[in-house]
Amino acid sequence: MNSDPLTQLGLTITQAAYWLDVEPSYLAQALDEEETPTWLEYCLEAMQEQYEEEPELFQYFRLGAELKDRSWSSQTARAAIPVLIEQARKGEPMSYGDLDAELRRRDPSRGDAGLLQKYGQPLGIIGTVIEEIRAEALDETSPVPRVNAMMPPLEALVVRGRERLPGKGINDFLISYLRLLGEKTPEDLMLREKDRRAAVERIHADIKDWQDWSILEKLARE
């Protein structure tokens, strides 16, 4: 696989595919051809020109980019990751209120979050980054070990206090993971509380059993 043009830009095939708005497999196939397709030559030239003018633009397509800005949501996502990993190792979910309290205990300078629903966005960032890690793990041009292709959705550990279920805002992340596990119609499991609860319990068990969160921990520190 000839990924040299992307290496110069510091991008994996998966990251470049997001930039070009094509499927990673389609880009990989084009890079594998003996003669680079005309459309790809044009795209690579345009990317190189843009990189020379504004290299910082390419940061948005690198692994964990959503964790790295200065917004409250990104900062909270970074701070929440080690807390949730500790909970995962204990095998225990935690409520939104417990997460807020623990983050404020660890950093007394944190202000009142106000409505706990605000945590939906930081948890969504964590979910997005985990899905990026999975995609990178399947990419031969990425240093992410292949075992991470099955990393479970850590953000699902945060549950509503009374229901002991995650908010429905992360359903897409649950569905994506269940599909990885071989569920044919995971969307249907989200429609009935009994089925959704069983699916969440299965996911919580996988989170507890997951052995290596090191890539996610590293991204949260960088």
N, C-alpha and C. Protein backbone atom coordinates (compact mmCIF):
# COMPACT_ATOMS: atom_id res chain seq x y z
N MET A 1 0.85 -1.19 0.00
CA MET A 1 0.00 0.00 0.00
C MET A 1 0.88 1.24 0.00
N ASN A 2 0.67 2.14 -0.96
CA ASN A 2 1.49 3.34 -1.08
C ASN A 2 0.83 4.49 -0.34
N SER A 3 1.19 4.67 0.90
CA SER A 3 0.60 5.74 1.70
C SER A 3 1.57 6.89 1.92
N ASP A 4 2.69 6.91 1.15
CA ASP A 4 3.72 7.93 1.35
C ASP A 4 3.19 9.36 1.26
N PRO A 5 2.32 9.69 0.28
CA PRO A 5 1.81 11.07 0.22
C PRO A 5 1.07 11.47 1.49
N LEU A 6 0.38 10.54 2.10
CA LEU A 6 -0.37 10.84 3.32
C LEU A 6 0.57 10.94 4.52
N THR A 7 1.62 10.14 4.53
CA THR A 7 2.59 10.19 5.62
C THR A 7 3.22 11.57 5.70
N GLN A 8 3.48 12.17 4.54
CA GLN A 8 4.06 13.51 4.51
C GLN A 8 3.13 14.54 5.14
N LEU A 9 1.83 14.28 5.04
CA LEU A 9 0.84 15.18 5.62
C LEU A 9 0.52 14.82 7.07
N GLY A 10 1.07 13.71 7.55
CA GLY A 10 0.81 13.26 8.91
C GLY A 10 -0.55 12.66 9.10
N LEU A 11 -1.14 12.12 8.00
CA LEU A 11 -2.49 11.57 8.05
C LEU A 11 -2.48 10.07 7.77
N THR A 12 -3.35 9.34 8.43
CA THR A 12 -3.59 7.95 8.07
C THR A 12 -4.62 7.92 6.93
N ILE A 13 -4.83 6.75 6.36
CA ILE A 13 -5.84 6.63 5.31
C ILE A 13 -7.22 7.02 5.84
N THR A 14 -7.54 6.59 7.04
CA THR A 14 -8.84 6.90 7.63
C THR A 14 -9.02 8.40 7.79
N GLN A 15 -8.00 9.10 8.27
CA GLN A 15 -8.09 10.54 8.46
C GLN A 15 -8.19 11.27 7.13
N ALA A 16 -7.40 10.84 6.15
CA ALA A 16 -7.46 11.47 4.82
C ALA A 16 -8.80 11.23 4.15
N ALA A 17 -9.39 10.06 4.42
CA ALA A 17 -10.69 9.75 3.83
C ALA A 17 -11.77 10.69 4.37
N TYR A 18 -11.68 11.04 5.66
CA TYR A 18 -12.62 12.02 6.22
C TYR A 18 -12.44 13.37 5.53
N TRP A 19 -11.20 13.74 5.32
CA TRP A 19 -10.88 15.01 4.65
C TRP A 19 -11.46 15.04 3.24
N LEU A 20 -11.32 13.92 2.52
CA LEU A 20 -11.76 13.85 1.13
C LEU A 20 -13.23 13.47 0.98
N ASP A 21 -13.87 13.10 2.10
CA ASP A 21 -15.27 12.68 2.10
C ASP A 21 -15.49 11.45 1.21
N VAL A 22 -14.61 10.46 1.38
CA VAL A 22 -14.76 9.18 0.69
C VAL A 22 -14.62 8.06 1.71
N GLU A 23 -15.01 6.86 1.35
CA GLU A 23 -14.84 5.71 2.24
C GLU A 23 -13.35 5.36 2.34
N PRO A 24 -12.85 5.05 3.55
CA PRO A 24 -11.44 4.67 3.69
C PRO A 24 -11.04 3.52 2.76
N SER A 25 -11.93 2.53 2.58
CA SER A 25 -11.60 1.39 1.71
C SER A 25 -11.42 1.84 0.26
N TYR A 26 -12.21 2.82 -0.16
CA TYR A 26 -12.10 3.36 -1.53
C TYR A 26 -10.77 4.08 -1.72
N LEU A 27 -10.37 4.87 -0.72
CA LEU A 27 -9.09 5.57 -0.79
C LEU A 27 -7.93 4.57 -0.75
N ALA A 28 -8.03 3.56 0.12
CA ALA A 28 -6.97 2.55 0.21
C ALA A 28 -6.79 1.84 -1.12
N GLN A 29 -7.89 1.51 -1.78
CA GLN A 29 -7.83 0.84 -3.07
C GLN A 29 -7.16 1.73 -4.11
N ALA A 30 -7.50 3.02 -4.10
CA ALA A 30 -6.90 3.95 -5.06
C ALA A 30 -5.40 4.09 -4.82
N LEU A 31 -4.99 4.13 -3.56
CA LEU A 31 -3.57 4.24 -3.24
C LEU A 31 -2.80 2.98 -3.63
N ASP A 32 -3.50 1.87 -3.69
CA ASP A 32 -2.88 0.58 -4.03
C ASP A 32 -2.66 0.39 -5.53
N GLU A 33 -3.33 1.20 -6.34
CA GLU A 33 -3.22 1.03 -7.79
C GLU A 33 -1.81 1.40 -8.27
N GLU A 34 -1.36 0.70 -9.31
CA GLU A 34 -0.02 0.95 -9.84
C GLU A 34 0.12 2.39 -10.33
N GLU A 35 -0.92 2.88 -10.97
CA GLU A 35 -0.92 4.26 -11.45
C GLU A 35 -1.97 5.04 -10.66
N THR A 36 -1.54 6.09 -9.97
CA THR A 36 -2.46 6.85 -9.14
C THR A 36 -3.57 7.46 -9.99
N PRO A 37 -4.83 7.22 -9.63
CA PRO A 37 -5.94 7.80 -10.39
C PRO A 37 -5.85 9.32 -10.46
N THR A 38 -6.34 9.87 -11.55
CA THR A 38 -6.25 11.32 -11.76
C THR A 38 -6.93 12.10 -10.64
N TRP A 39 -8.11 11.61 -10.20
CA TRP A 39 -8.83 12.34 -9.15
C TRP A 39 -8.03 12.41 -7.87
N LEU A 40 -7.28 11.31 -7.58
CA LEU A 40 -6.51 11.28 -6.34
C LEU A 40 -5.28 12.17 -6.46
N GLU A 41 -4.65 12.18 -7.63
CA GLU A 41 -3.51 13.08 -7.84
C GLU A 41 -3.92 14.53 -7.58
N TYR A 42 -5.08 14.89 -8.13
CA TYR A 42 -5.59 16.26 -7.95
C TYR A 42 -5.82 16.54 -6.47
N CYS A 43 -6.45 15.59 -5.77
CA CYS A 43 -6.75 15.78 -4.35
C CYS A 43 -5.48 15.88 -3.52
N LEU A 44 -4.51 15.03 -3.80
CA LEU A 44 -3.26 15.06 -3.04
C LEU A 44 -2.51 16.37 -3.25
N GLU A 45 -2.53 16.86 -4.48
CA GLU A 45 -1.87 18.14 -4.76
C GLU A 45 -2.56 19.27 -4.00
N ALA A 46 -3.90 19.24 -4.00
CA ALA A 46 -4.65 20.28 -3.28
C ALA A 46 -4.39 20.20 -1.78
N MET A 47 -4.32 18.98 -1.25
CA MET A 47 -4.05 18.81 0.17
C MET A 47 -2.66 19.32 0.52
N GLN A 48 -1.68 19.02 -0.33
CA GLN A 48 -0.31 19.46 -0.08
C GLN A 48 -0.22 20.98 -0.09
N GLU A 49 -0.91 21.61 -1.04
CA GLU A 49 -0.90 23.07 -1.10
C GLU A 49 -1.52 23.67 0.15
N GLN A 50 -2.63 23.08 0.58
CA GLN A 50 -3.30 23.61 1.77
C GLN A 50 -2.47 23.36 3.01
N TYR A 51 -1.79 22.23 3.06
CA TYR A 51 -0.93 21.92 4.21
C TYR A 51 0.20 22.93 4.32
N GLU A 52 0.76 23.31 3.17
CA GLU A 52 1.86 24.28 3.18
C GLU A 52 1.39 25.65 3.64
N GLU A 53 0.11 25.97 3.33
CA GLU A 53 -0.42 27.28 3.71
C GLU A 53 -0.94 27.29 5.15
N GLU A 54 -1.68 26.26 5.55
CA GLU A 54 -2.28 26.21 6.88
C GLU A 54 -2.20 24.80 7.45
N PRO A 55 -1.03 24.37 7.91
CA PRO A 55 -0.89 23.00 8.42
C PRO A 55 -1.78 22.70 9.61
N GLU A 56 -2.17 23.75 10.38
CA GLU A 56 -3.01 23.51 11.55
C GLU A 56 -4.39 22.99 11.19
N LEU A 57 -4.85 23.23 9.95
CA LEU A 57 -6.16 22.73 9.54
C LEU A 57 -6.22 21.20 9.61
N PHE A 58 -5.09 20.57 9.38
CA PHE A 58 -5.06 19.11 9.34
C PHE A 58 -5.17 18.50 10.73
N GLN A 59 -4.99 19.32 11.76
CA GLN A 59 -5.12 18.80 13.12
C GLN A 59 -6.53 18.30 13.38
N TYR A 60 -7.52 18.89 12.71
CA TYR A 60 -8.91 18.51 12.95
C TYR A 60 -9.23 17.11 12.47
N PHE A 61 -8.35 16.53 11.66
CA PHE A 61 -8.61 15.19 11.13
C PHE A 61 -7.75 14.14 11.80
N ARG A 62 -6.99 14.54 12.80
CA ARG A 62 -6.13 13.59 13.49
C ARG A 62 -6.85 13.00 14.68
N LEU A 63 -6.36 11.87 15.12
CA LEU A 63 -7.03 11.12 16.18
C LEU A 63 -7.18 11.94 17.45
N GLY A 64 -8.40 12.00 17.97
CA GLY A 64 -8.66 12.68 19.22
C GLY A 64 -8.70 14.19 19.14
N ALA A 65 -8.85 14.73 17.91
CA ALA A 65 -8.80 16.19 17.76
C ALA A 65 -9.88 16.89 18.57
N GLU A 66 -11.03 16.27 18.74
CA GLU A 66 -12.13 16.93 19.46
C GLU A 66 -11.83 17.10 20.95
N LEU A 67 -10.82 16.39 21.44
CA LEU A 67 -10.45 16.53 22.85
C LEU A 67 -9.52 17.71 23.10
N LYS A 68 -9.03 18.33 22.03
CA LYS A 68 -7.87 19.20 22.19
C LYS A 68 -8.15 20.70 22.15
N ASP A 69 -9.41 21.11 21.96
CA ASP A 69 -9.63 22.55 21.98
C ASP A 69 -9.92 23.02 23.40
N ARG A 70 -10.19 24.31 23.54
CA ARG A 70 -10.31 24.91 24.88
C ARG A 70 -11.75 25.05 25.34
N SER A 71 -12.68 24.49 24.63
CA SER A 71 -14.08 24.60 25.01
C SER A 71 -14.35 23.85 26.32
N TRP A 72 -15.42 24.25 27.01
CA TRP A 72 -15.80 23.56 28.25
C TRP A 72 -16.03 22.08 27.98
N SER A 73 -16.68 21.77 26.87
CA SER A 73 -17.01 20.36 26.57
C SER A 73 -15.75 19.53 26.37
N SER A 74 -14.78 20.06 25.63
CA SER A 74 -13.54 19.31 25.41
C SER A 74 -12.75 19.15 26.70
N GLN A 75 -12.65 20.22 27.46
CA GLN A 75 -11.92 20.14 28.73
C GLN A 75 -12.59 19.15 29.68
N THR A 76 -13.91 19.16 29.68
CA THR A 76 -14.64 18.23 30.55
C THR A 76 -14.49 16.80 30.08
N ALA A 77 -14.49 16.58 28.77
CA ALA A 77 -14.29 15.23 28.23
C ALA A 77 -12.92 14.71 28.64
N ARG A 78 -11.88 15.55 28.52
CA ARG A 78 -10.53 15.12 28.92
C ARG A 78 -10.48 14.77 30.39
N ALA A 79 -11.12 15.61 31.21
CA ALA A 79 -11.10 15.36 32.66
C ALA A 79 -11.91 14.13 33.03
N ALA A 80 -12.98 13.87 32.28
CA ALA A 80 -13.87 12.75 32.61
C ALA A 80 -13.27 11.40 32.25
N ILE A 81 -12.39 11.35 31.26
CA ILE A 81 -11.88 10.06 30.79
C ILE A 81 -11.19 9.27 31.91
N PRO A 82 -10.24 9.83 32.66
CA PRO A 82 -9.63 9.02 33.74
C PRO A 82 -10.63 8.62 34.82
N VAL A 83 -11.61 9.48 35.09
CA VAL A 83 -12.64 9.13 36.08
C VAL A 83 -13.43 7.92 35.60
N LEU A 84 -13.83 7.93 34.35
CA LEU A 84 -14.64 6.83 33.81
C LEU A 84 -13.81 5.56 33.69
N ILE A 85 -12.54 5.68 33.40
CA ILE A 85 -11.70 4.48 33.32
C ILE A 85 -11.58 3.84 34.70
N GLU A 86 -11.45 4.66 35.74
CA GLU A 86 -11.43 4.10 37.10
C GLU A 86 -12.74 3.38 37.41
N GLN A 87 -13.86 3.98 37.01
CA GLN A 87 -15.15 3.34 37.22
C GLN A 87 -15.26 2.03 36.45
N ALA A 88 -14.71 2.03 35.23
CA ALA A 88 -14.74 0.82 34.41
C ALA A 88 -14.00 -0.31 35.11
N ARG A 89 -12.87 0.00 35.71
CA ARG A 89 -12.07 -1.02 36.40
C ARG A 89 -12.77 -1.52 37.66
N LYS A 90 -13.60 -0.67 38.23
CA LYS A 90 -14.41 -1.11 39.38
C LYS A 90 -15.64 -1.90 38.91
N GLY A 91 -15.98 -1.73 37.65
CA GLY A 91 -17.17 -2.39 37.12
C GLY A 91 -18.45 -1.73 37.58
N GLU A 92 -18.39 -0.40 37.78
CA GLU A 92 -19.55 0.31 38.31
C GLU A 92 -19.91 1.50 37.43
N PRO A 93 -21.19 1.63 37.03
CA PRO A 93 -21.62 2.87 36.37
C PRO A 93 -21.67 4.00 37.37
N MET A 94 -21.83 5.23 36.90
CA MET A 94 -21.97 6.37 37.80
C MET A 94 -23.00 7.34 37.22
N SER A 95 -23.66 8.07 38.11
CA SER A 95 -24.68 9.02 37.66
C SER A 95 -24.01 10.29 37.15
N TYR A 96 -24.80 11.10 36.44
CA TYR A 96 -24.31 12.40 35.99
C TYR A 96 -23.89 13.25 37.19
N GLY A 97 -24.70 13.19 38.25
CA GLY A 97 -24.37 13.95 39.44
C GLY A 97 -23.08 13.50 40.09
N ASP A 98 -22.85 12.18 40.11
CA ASP A 98 -21.61 11.65 40.69
C ASP A 98 -20.40 12.06 39.86
N LEU A 99 -20.56 12.05 38.54
CA LEU A 99 -19.46 12.47 37.67
C LEU A 99 -19.14 13.93 37.93
N ASP A 100 -20.16 14.77 37.99
CA ASP A 100 -19.95 16.19 38.24
C ASP A 100 -19.25 16.41 39.58
N ALA A 101 -19.70 15.69 40.61
CA ALA A 101 -19.11 15.84 41.94
C ALA A 101 -17.65 15.40 41.95
N GLU A 102 -17.35 14.30 41.27
CA GLU A 102 -15.96 13.80 41.25
C GLU A 102 -15.05 14.75 40.49
N LEU A 103 -15.52 15.30 39.39
CA LEU A 103 -14.70 16.24 38.63
C LEU A 103 -14.42 17.50 39.45
N ARG A 104 -15.40 17.95 40.21
CA ARG A 104 -15.20 19.14 41.05
C ARG A 104 -14.32 18.83 42.25
N ARG A 105 -14.37 17.59 42.74
CA ARG A 105 -13.48 17.20 43.84
C ARG A 105 -12.03 17.20 43.37
N ARG A 106 -11.81 16.70 42.15
CA ARG A 106 -10.44 16.63 41.63
C ARG A 106 -9.91 17.99 41.20
N ASP A 107 -10.82 18.86 40.81
CA ASP A 107 -10.41 20.21 40.39
C ASP A 107 -11.36 21.23 41.03
N PRO A 108 -11.03 21.70 42.23
CA PRO A 108 -11.91 22.64 42.94
C PRO A 108 -12.17 23.93 42.18
N SER A 109 -11.35 24.23 41.17
CA SER A 109 -11.55 25.46 40.42
C SER A 109 -12.70 25.34 39.40
N ARG A 110 -13.18 24.12 39.21
CA ARG A 110 -14.30 23.94 38.28
C ARG A 110 -15.56 24.61 38.85
N GLY A 111 -16.25 25.33 38.00
CA GLY A 111 -17.48 25.97 38.44
C GLY A 111 -18.65 25.01 38.41
N ASP A 112 -19.79 25.49 38.87
CA ASP A 112 -21.02 24.70 38.85
C ASP A 112 -21.42 24.45 37.39
N ALA A 113 -21.64 23.21 37.05
CA ALA A 113 -22.00 22.86 35.67
C ALA A 113 -23.42 23.27 35.34
N GLY A 114 -24.21 23.58 36.35
CA GLY A 114 -25.60 23.91 36.10
C GLY A 114 -26.39 22.66 35.77
N LEU A 115 -27.15 22.69 34.69
CA LEU A 115 -27.92 21.52 34.29
C LEU A 115 -27.00 20.36 33.95
N LEU A 116 -27.24 19.21 34.55
CA LEU A 116 -26.36 18.06 34.32
C LEU A 116 -26.47 17.55 32.89
N GLN A 117 -27.54 17.94 32.18
CA GLN A 117 -27.67 17.54 30.77
C GLN A 117 -26.52 18.09 29.94
N LYS A 118 -25.84 19.13 30.46
CA LYS A 118 -24.69 19.68 29.73
C LYS A 118 -23.62 18.63 29.50
N TYR A 119 -23.61 17.59 30.34
CA TYR A 119 -22.58 16.55 30.19
C TYR A 119 -22.81 15.69 28.95
N GLY A 120 -23.95 15.83 28.32
CA GLY A 120 -24.19 15.06 27.11
C GLY A 120 -23.16 15.33 26.03
N GLN A 121 -22.76 16.59 25.89
CA GLN A 121 -21.80 16.92 24.83
C GLN A 121 -20.40 16.38 25.12
N PRO A 122 -19.85 16.54 26.33
CA PRO A 122 -18.56 15.91 26.61
C PRO A 122 -18.58 14.39 26.42
N LEU A 123 -19.68 13.75 26.86
CA LEU A 123 -19.77 12.30 26.67
C LEU A 123 -19.85 11.95 25.20
N GLY A 124 -20.51 12.79 24.41
CA GLY A 124 -20.55 12.58 22.97
C GLY A 124 -19.17 12.69 22.35
N ILE A 125 -18.35 13.61 22.85
CA ILE A 125 -16.98 13.74 22.36
C ILE A 125 -16.20 12.46 22.66
N ILE A 126 -16.34 11.93 23.87
CA ILE A 126 -15.65 10.67 24.22
C ILE A 126 -16.11 9.56 23.29
N GLY A 127 -17.41 9.48 23.05
CA GLY A 127 -17.94 8.44 22.16
C GLY A 127 -17.39 8.57 20.76
N THR A 128 -17.29 9.80 20.25
CA THR A 128 -16.76 10.03 18.91
C THR A 128 -15.30 9.61 18.82
N VAL A 129 -14.52 9.96 19.84
CA VAL A 129 -13.10 9.61 19.83
C VAL A 129 -12.92 8.10 19.88
N ILE A 130 -13.73 7.40 20.66
CA ILE A 130 -13.63 5.94 20.71
C ILE A 130 -13.96 5.34 19.34
N GLU A 131 -14.94 5.89 18.66
CA GLU A 131 -15.25 5.38 17.31
C GLU A 131 -14.10 5.67 16.35
N GLU A 132 -13.42 6.80 16.52
CA GLU A 132 -12.24 7.09 15.71
C GLU A 132 -11.13 6.08 16.01
N ILE A 133 -10.94 5.75 17.28
CA ILE A 133 -9.91 4.77 17.66
C ILE A 133 -10.21 3.44 16.98
N ARG A 134 -11.47 3.02 16.99
CA ARG A 134 -11.82 1.75 16.34
C ARG A 134 -11.48 1.79 14.86
N ALA A 135 -11.84 2.89 14.20
CA ALA A 135 -11.57 3.00 12.76
C ALA A 135 -10.06 2.98 12.49
N GLU A 136 -9.29 3.68 13.32
CA GLU A 136 -7.84 3.70 13.15
C GLU A 136 -7.24 2.31 13.37
N ALA A 137 -7.82 1.55 14.29
CA ALA A 137 -7.29 0.22 14.59
C ALA A 137 -7.40 -0.72 13.39
N LEU A 138 -8.33 -0.43 12.49
CA LEU A 138 -8.50 -1.24 11.28
C LEU A 138 -7.69 -0.72 10.10
N ASP A 139 -6.99 0.38 10.32
CA ASP A 139 -6.24 1.06 9.26
C ASP A 139 -4.77 0.63 9.33
N GLU A 140 -4.28 0.01 8.28
CA GLU A 140 -2.90 -0.49 8.28
C GLU A 140 -1.87 0.64 8.36
N THR A 141 -2.27 1.86 8.03
CA THR A 141 -1.33 2.98 8.07
C THR A 141 -1.32 3.67 9.43
N SER A 142 -2.13 3.18 10.36
CA SER A 142 -2.22 3.80 11.69
C SER A 142 -1.42 3.00 12.71
N PRO A 143 -0.81 3.69 13.68
CA PRO A 143 -0.09 2.97 14.74
C PRO A 143 -1.00 2.38 15.81
N VAL A 144 -2.31 2.64 15.73
CA VAL A 144 -3.23 2.13 16.74
C VAL A 144 -3.34 0.61 16.62
N PRO A 145 -3.06 -0.15 17.67
CA PRO A 145 -3.13 -1.62 17.60
C PRO A 145 -4.52 -2.12 17.21
N ARG A 146 -4.54 -3.17 16.43
CA ARG A 146 -5.80 -3.68 15.88
C ARG A 146 -6.79 -4.12 16.96
N VAL A 147 -6.31 -4.53 18.12
CA VAL A 147 -7.20 -5.00 19.18
C VAL A 147 -8.21 -3.91 19.56
N ASN A 148 -7.85 -2.64 19.35
CA ASN A 148 -8.72 -1.54 19.73
C ASN A 148 -9.93 -1.38 18.82
N ALA A 149 -10.02 -2.19 17.79
CA ALA A 149 -11.18 -2.15 16.90
C ALA A 149 -12.46 -2.54 17.62
N MET A 150 -12.34 -3.14 18.80
CA MET A 150 -13.53 -3.56 19.57
C MET A 150 -13.66 -2.81 20.89
N MET A 151 -12.99 -1.67 21.01
CA MET A 151 -13.09 -0.90 22.26
C MET A 151 -14.55 -0.53 22.54
N PRO A 152 -15.05 -0.84 23.73
CA PRO A 152 -16.46 -0.55 24.04
C PRO A 152 -16.68 0.93 24.34
N PRO A 153 -17.93 1.38 24.29
CA PRO A 153 -18.25 2.81 24.50
C PRO A 153 -18.22 3.19 25.97
N LEU A 154 -17.08 3.65 26.42
CA LEU A 154 -16.87 3.99 27.84
C LEU A 154 -17.91 4.99 28.35
N GLU A 155 -18.35 5.89 27.47
CA GLU A 155 -19.29 6.93 27.89
C GLU A 155 -20.62 6.36 28.37
N ALA A 156 -20.90 5.09 28.02
CA ALA A 156 -22.15 4.45 28.44
C ALA A 156 -22.19 4.18 29.94
N LEU A 157 -21.06 4.34 30.63
CA LEU A 157 -21.04 4.13 32.09
C LEU A 157 -21.80 5.22 32.84
N VAL A 158 -22.01 6.36 32.21
CA VAL A 158 -22.71 7.46 32.89
C VAL A 158 -24.20 7.27 32.68
N VAL A 159 -24.92 7.16 33.79
CA VAL A 159 -26.35 6.81 33.73
C VAL A 159 -27.18 7.84 34.49
N ARG A 160 -28.45 7.86 34.15
CA ARG A 160 -29.39 8.69 34.90
C ARG A 160 -29.63 8.04 36.26
N GLY A 161 -29.59 8.84 37.31
CA GLY A 161 -29.63 8.31 38.66
C GLY A 161 -30.80 7.39 38.94
N ARG A 162 -32.00 7.77 38.52
CA ARG A 162 -33.18 6.99 38.86
C ARG A 162 -33.30 5.76 37.96
N GLU A 163 -33.10 5.93 36.67
CA GLU A 163 -33.29 4.83 35.71
C GLU A 163 -32.10 3.87 35.68
N ARG A 164 -30.92 4.38 36.03
CA ARG A 164 -29.66 3.62 35.92
C ARG A 164 -29.41 3.20 34.48
N LEU A 165 -29.81 4.08 33.56
CA LEU A 165 -29.57 3.87 32.13
C LEU A 165 -28.93 5.12 31.55
N PRO A 166 -28.08 4.98 30.52
CA PRO A 166 -27.53 6.18 29.87
C PRO A 166 -28.64 6.99 29.21
N GLY A 167 -28.38 8.29 29.04
CA GLY A 167 -29.32 9.12 28.31
C GLY A 167 -29.45 8.63 26.86
N LYS A 168 -30.59 8.87 26.28
CA LYS A 168 -30.84 8.38 24.92
C LYS A 168 -30.00 9.12 23.87
N GLY A 169 -29.36 10.20 24.29
CA GLY A 169 -28.50 10.93 23.38
C GLY A 169 -27.30 10.13 22.89
N ILE A 170 -26.94 9.05 23.61
CA ILE A 170 -25.80 8.24 23.15
C ILE A 170 -26.26 6.96 22.44
N ASN A 171 -27.54 6.90 22.09
CA ASN A 171 -28.05 5.69 21.43
C ASN A 171 -27.25 5.32 20.19
N ASP A 172 -26.84 6.32 19.41
CA ASP A 172 -26.09 6.02 18.18
C ASP A 172 -24.78 5.30 18.49
N PHE A 173 -24.14 5.67 19.59
CA PHE A 173 -22.90 5.00 19.98
C PHE A 173 -23.18 3.57 20.43
N LEU A 174 -24.27 3.38 21.15
CA LEU A 174 -24.64 2.03 21.58
C LEU A 174 -24.96 1.17 20.36
N ILE A 175 -25.70 1.72 19.42
CA ILE A 175 -26.08 0.99 18.22
C ILE A 175 -24.84 0.60 17.41
N SER A 176 -23.92 1.53 17.28
CA SER A 176 -22.68 1.26 16.53
C SER A 176 -21.90 0.11 17.15
N TYR A 177 -21.81 0.11 18.47
CA TYR A 177 -21.06 -0.95 19.15
C TYR A 177 -21.79 -2.29 19.06
N LEU A 178 -23.09 -2.28 19.26
CA LEU A 178 -23.87 -3.53 19.16
C LEU A 178 -23.78 -4.13 17.77
N ARG A 179 -23.70 -3.26 16.76
CA ARG A 179 -23.54 -3.78 15.40
C ARG A 179 -22.18 -4.48 15.25
N LEU A 180 -21.17 -3.94 15.90
CA LEU A 180 -19.85 -4.60 15.90
C LEU A 180 -19.93 -5.98 16.52
N LEU A 181 -20.78 -6.12 17.52
CA LEU A 181 -20.93 -7.40 18.22
C LEU A 181 -21.76 -8.40 17.43
N GLY A 182 -22.32 -7.96 16.30
CA GLY A 182 -23.06 -8.88 15.45
C GLY A 182 -24.57 -8.75 15.52
N GLU A 183 -25.06 -7.76 16.27
CA GLU A 183 -26.51 -7.55 16.31
C GLU A 183 -26.99 -7.08 14.93
N LYS A 184 -28.03 -7.71 14.43
CA LYS A 184 -28.52 -7.39 13.09
C LYS A 184 -29.35 -6.11 13.08
N THR A 185 -30.18 -5.93 14.09
CA THR A 185 -31.05 -4.74 14.15
C THR A 185 -30.92 -4.08 15.52
N PRO A 186 -29.76 -3.53 15.82
CA PRO A 186 -29.56 -2.94 17.16
C PRO A 186 -30.47 -1.73 17.41
N GLU A 187 -30.92 -1.08 16.33
CA GLU A 187 -31.84 0.06 16.51
C GLU A 187 -33.11 -0.38 17.24
N ASP A 188 -33.56 -1.59 16.94
CA ASP A 188 -34.80 -2.08 17.57
C ASP A 188 -34.64 -2.25 19.08
N LEU A 189 -33.42 -2.55 19.52
CA LEU A 189 -33.19 -2.75 20.95
C LEU A 189 -33.33 -1.45 21.73
N MET A 190 -33.18 -0.33 21.05
CA MET A 190 -33.27 0.96 21.71
C MET A 190 -34.72 1.41 21.91
N LEU A 191 -35.68 0.70 21.30
CA LEU A 191 -37.08 1.14 21.31
C LEU A 191 -37.84 0.70 22.54
N ARG A 192 -37.40 -0.39 23.15
CA ARG A 192 -38.11 -0.94 24.32
C ARG A 192 -37.17 -0.94 25.52
N GLU A 193 -37.66 -0.42 26.64
CA GLU A 193 -36.78 -0.25 27.81
C GLU A 193 -36.16 -1.56 28.25
N LYS A 194 -36.92 -2.64 28.24
CA LYS A 194 -36.39 -3.93 28.68
C LYS A 194 -35.22 -4.36 27.81
N ASP A 195 -35.38 -4.22 26.48
CA ASP A 195 -34.31 -4.61 25.56
C ASP A 195 -33.12 -3.67 25.67
N ARG A 196 -33.41 -2.38 25.83
CA ARG A 196 -32.32 -1.41 25.95
C ARG A 196 -31.54 -1.66 27.23
N ARG A 197 -32.25 -1.97 28.31
CA ARG A 197 -31.57 -2.25 29.59
C ARG A 197 -30.67 -3.47 29.45
N ALA A 198 -31.15 -4.52 28.79
CA ALA A 198 -30.35 -5.73 28.60
C ALA A 198 -29.11 -5.42 27.75
N ALA A 199 -29.29 -4.59 26.72
CA ALA A 199 -28.16 -4.22 25.86
C ALA A 199 -27.13 -3.41 26.65
N VAL A 200 -27.61 -2.48 27.47
CA VAL A 200 -26.70 -1.66 28.28
C VAL A 200 -25.95 -2.53 29.29
N GLU A 201 -26.63 -3.48 29.91
CA GLU A 201 -25.95 -4.38 30.85
C GLU A 201 -24.85 -5.17 30.15
N ARG A 202 -25.12 -5.59 28.93
CA ARG A 202 -24.11 -6.31 28.15
C ARG A 202 -22.91 -5.40 27.86
N ILE A 203 -23.20 -4.15 27.50
CA ILE A 203 -22.13 -3.20 27.21
C ILE A 203 -21.35 -2.87 28.47
N HIS A 204 -22.03 -2.70 29.60
CA HIS A 204 -21.33 -2.43 30.87
C HIS A 204 -20.38 -3.58 31.22
N ALA A 205 -20.81 -4.80 30.96
CA ALA A 205 -19.94 -5.95 31.23
C ALA A 205 -18.70 -5.91 30.34
N ASP A 206 -18.88 -5.52 29.09
CA ASP A 206 -17.74 -5.42 28.18
C ASP A 206 -16.79 -4.30 28.61
N ILE A 207 -17.35 -3.20 29.09
CA ILE A 207 -16.51 -2.09 29.56
C ILE A 207 -15.68 -2.55 30.76
N LYS A 208 -16.30 -3.28 31.67
CA LYS A 208 -15.58 -3.80 32.84
C LYS A 208 -14.46 -4.74 32.43
N ASP A 209 -14.71 -5.56 31.41
CA ASP A 209 -13.74 -6.58 30.99
C ASP A 209 -12.63 -6.02 30.11
N TRP A 210 -12.82 -4.81 29.57
CA TRP A 210 -11.83 -4.26 28.66
C TRP A 210 -10.53 -3.99 29.40
N GLN A 211 -9.41 -4.46 28.87
CA GLN A 211 -8.15 -4.45 29.61
C GLN A 211 -7.28 -3.22 29.38
N ASP A 212 -7.37 -2.59 28.21
CA ASP A 212 -6.37 -1.58 27.87
C ASP A 212 -7.04 -0.31 27.33
N TRP A 213 -7.07 0.72 28.17
CA TRP A 213 -7.59 2.03 27.76
C TRP A 213 -6.46 3.00 27.48
N SER A 214 -5.25 2.49 27.29
CA SER A 214 -4.07 3.37 27.26
C SER A 214 -4.13 4.42 26.15
N ILE A 215 -4.65 4.06 24.99
CA ILE A 215 -4.71 5.04 23.89
C ILE A 215 -5.64 6.19 24.26
N LEU A 216 -6.79 5.87 24.82
CA LEU A 216 -7.72 6.90 25.22
C LEU A 216 -7.13 7.76 26.35
N GLU A 217 -6.45 7.12 27.29
CA GLU A 217 -5.80 7.87 28.37
C GLU A 217 -4.76 8.83 27.82
N LYS A 218 -3.99 8.36 26.86
CA LYS A 218 -2.94 9.20 26.25
C LYS A 218 -3.55 10.39 25.53
N LEU A 219 -4.63 10.16 24.78
CA LEU A 219 -5.27 11.26 24.07
C LEU A 219 -5.83 12.30 25.04
N ALA A 220 -6.30 11.85 26.18
CA ALA A 220 -6.85 12.78 27.18
C ALA A 220 -5.75 13.63 27.81
N ARG A 221 -4.53 13.12 27.85
CA ARG A 221 -3.41 13.87 28.46
C ARG A 221 -2.76 14.83 27.49
N GLU A 222 -2.80 14.53 26.21
CA GLU A 222 -2.03 15.31 25.23
C GLU A 222 -2.56 16.73 25.07
